[in-house]
Amino acid sequence: MNRNYYMGNVESMNEANFCPDCPTQTIYDPPITLYENYYHPQLINVVQNIETVKQHHCCPVYQHYYTHTEKNVMVSSVKRGKQQVKASSKKRSKK
């Protein structure tokens, strides 16, 4: 065969119609394996145990109790002049 014919060059009519008598050959490639997957439902029972743990905690709750006292104090209506100043406790001796 003329390589120029297949590379896009135009050849004469005689060369374009020429076909040599080449015997046909058969070759075999290794087989190709194709897989078709089919899926079917399968029932599987799953048992899950649940354990409840009740936790008890002590927490402080403050409850307030109030006491009430009353006393009577007599207040004089006469105003005093200057108030007396107490002596400082630092001057006192400790025993």
Protein backbone atom coordinates (compact mmCIF):
# COMPACT_ATOMS: atom_id res chain seq x y z
CA MET A 1 0.00 0.00 0.00
CA ASN A 2 1.06 3.53 -0.63
CA ARG A 3 1.35 5.50 2.57
CA ASN A 4 0.72 8.78 0.80
CA TYR A 5 -2.85 7.64 0.03
CA TYR A 6 -3.70 7.28 3.71
CA MET A 7 -2.01 10.48 4.74
CA GLY A 8 -4.47 12.61 2.78
CA ASN A 9 -2.61 12.94 -0.52
CA VAL A 10 -4.74 12.38 -3.63
CA GLU A 11 -3.50 9.46 -5.78
CA SER A 12 -4.55 8.37 -9.23
CA MET A 13 -7.73 6.30 -9.77
CA ASN A 14 -5.73 3.16 -10.51
CA GLU A 15 -3.97 3.20 -7.15
CA ALA A 16 -7.18 4.01 -5.21
CA ASN A 17 -9.02 0.97 -6.62
CA PHE A 18 -6.12 -1.43 -6.15
CA CYS A 19 -6.75 -4.02 -3.46
CA PRO A 20 -4.15 -6.73 -2.90
CA ASP A 21 -5.32 -10.28 -2.16
CA CYS A 22 -4.47 -10.48 1.54
CA PRO A 23 -5.84 -13.45 3.44
CA THR A 24 -8.20 -12.68 6.32
CA GLN A 25 -6.81 -13.47 9.71
CA THR A 26 -8.68 -13.97 12.98
CA ILE A 27 -7.18 -13.26 16.36
CA TYR A 28 -8.78 -13.73 19.76
CA ASP A 29 -8.36 -11.38 22.69
CA PRO A 30 -8.74 -12.73 26.22
CA PRO A 31 -12.40 -12.79 27.26
CA ILE A 32 -13.92 -9.81 29.02
CA THR A 33 -15.95 -10.68 32.11
CA LEU A 34 -19.08 -8.66 32.68
CA TYR A 35 -20.92 -8.83 35.98
CA GLU A 36 -24.60 -8.15 36.50
CA ASN A 37 -25.49 -7.59 40.14
CA TYR A 38 -28.93 -8.46 41.46
CA TYR A 39 -29.88 -7.58 45.01
CA HIS A 40 -32.54 -9.30 47.09
CA PRO A 41 -33.79 -8.18 50.50
CA GLN A 42 -32.62 -10.28 53.43
CA LEU A 43 -34.33 -9.77 56.78
CA ILE A 44 -31.87 -9.40 59.66
CA ASN A 45 -33.19 -9.04 63.19
CA VAL A 46 -31.17 -6.70 65.37
CA VAL A 47 -31.90 -6.77 69.10
CA GLN A 48 -30.75 -3.68 70.99
CA ASN A 49 -31.03 -3.78 74.78
CA ILE A 50 -31.72 -0.45 76.49
CA GLU A 51 -30.89 -0.08 80.18
CA THR A 52 -32.26 2.87 82.13
CA VAL A 53 -30.20 3.99 85.11
CA LYS A 54 -32.05 6.29 87.47
CA GLN A 55 -29.51 8.44 89.26
CA HIS A 56 -30.57 10.22 92.45
CA HIS A 57 -28.66 13.27 93.64
CA CYS A 58 -28.93 15.41 96.76
CA CYS A 59 -28.90 19.08 96.03
CA PRO A 60 -29.22 21.86 98.62
CA VAL A 61 -32.45 23.81 98.68
CA TYR A 62 -32.19 26.69 101.10
CA GLN A 63 -35.26 27.32 103.21
CA HIS A 64 -35.05 30.56 105.17
CA TYR A 65 -36.59 30.99 108.59
CA TYR A 66 -36.88 34.44 110.11
CA THR A 67 -37.36 35.43 113.73
CA HIS A 68 -38.87 38.67 114.81
CA THR A 69 -38.48 40.53 118.06
CA GLU A 70 -39.92 43.77 119.31
CA LYS A 71 -38.71 46.16 121.99
CA ASN A 72 -39.91 49.43 123.35
CA VAL A 73 -37.45 52.29 123.77
CA MET A 74 -38.23 55.52 125.55
CA VAL A 75 -36.95 58.56 123.68
CA SER A 76 -36.65 61.87 125.47
CA SER A 77 -38.00 64.94 123.75
CA VAL A 78 -35.20 67.11 125.22
CA LYS A 79 -32.24 67.55 122.88
CA ARG A 80 -28.79 67.21 124.33
CA GLY A 81 -25.95 69.57 123.49
CA LYS A 82 -22.77 67.76 122.60
CA GLN A 83 -22.54 64.02 122.66
CA GLN A 84 -19.93 62.48 124.84
CA VAL A 85 -16.97 60.95 123.08
CA LYS A 86 -15.99 57.48 124.24
CA ALA A 87 -12.43 56.78 125.16
CA SER A 88 -10.46 54.84 122.60
CA SER A 89 -10.20 51.13 123.22
CA LYS A 90 -6.50 51.21 122.31
CA LYS A 91 -5.62 52.92 125.58
CA ARG A 92 -7.15 50.16 127.59
CA SER A 93 -4.86 47.46 128.78
CA LYS A 94 -5.52 43.89 127.83
CA LYS A 95 -5.56 41.21 130.43
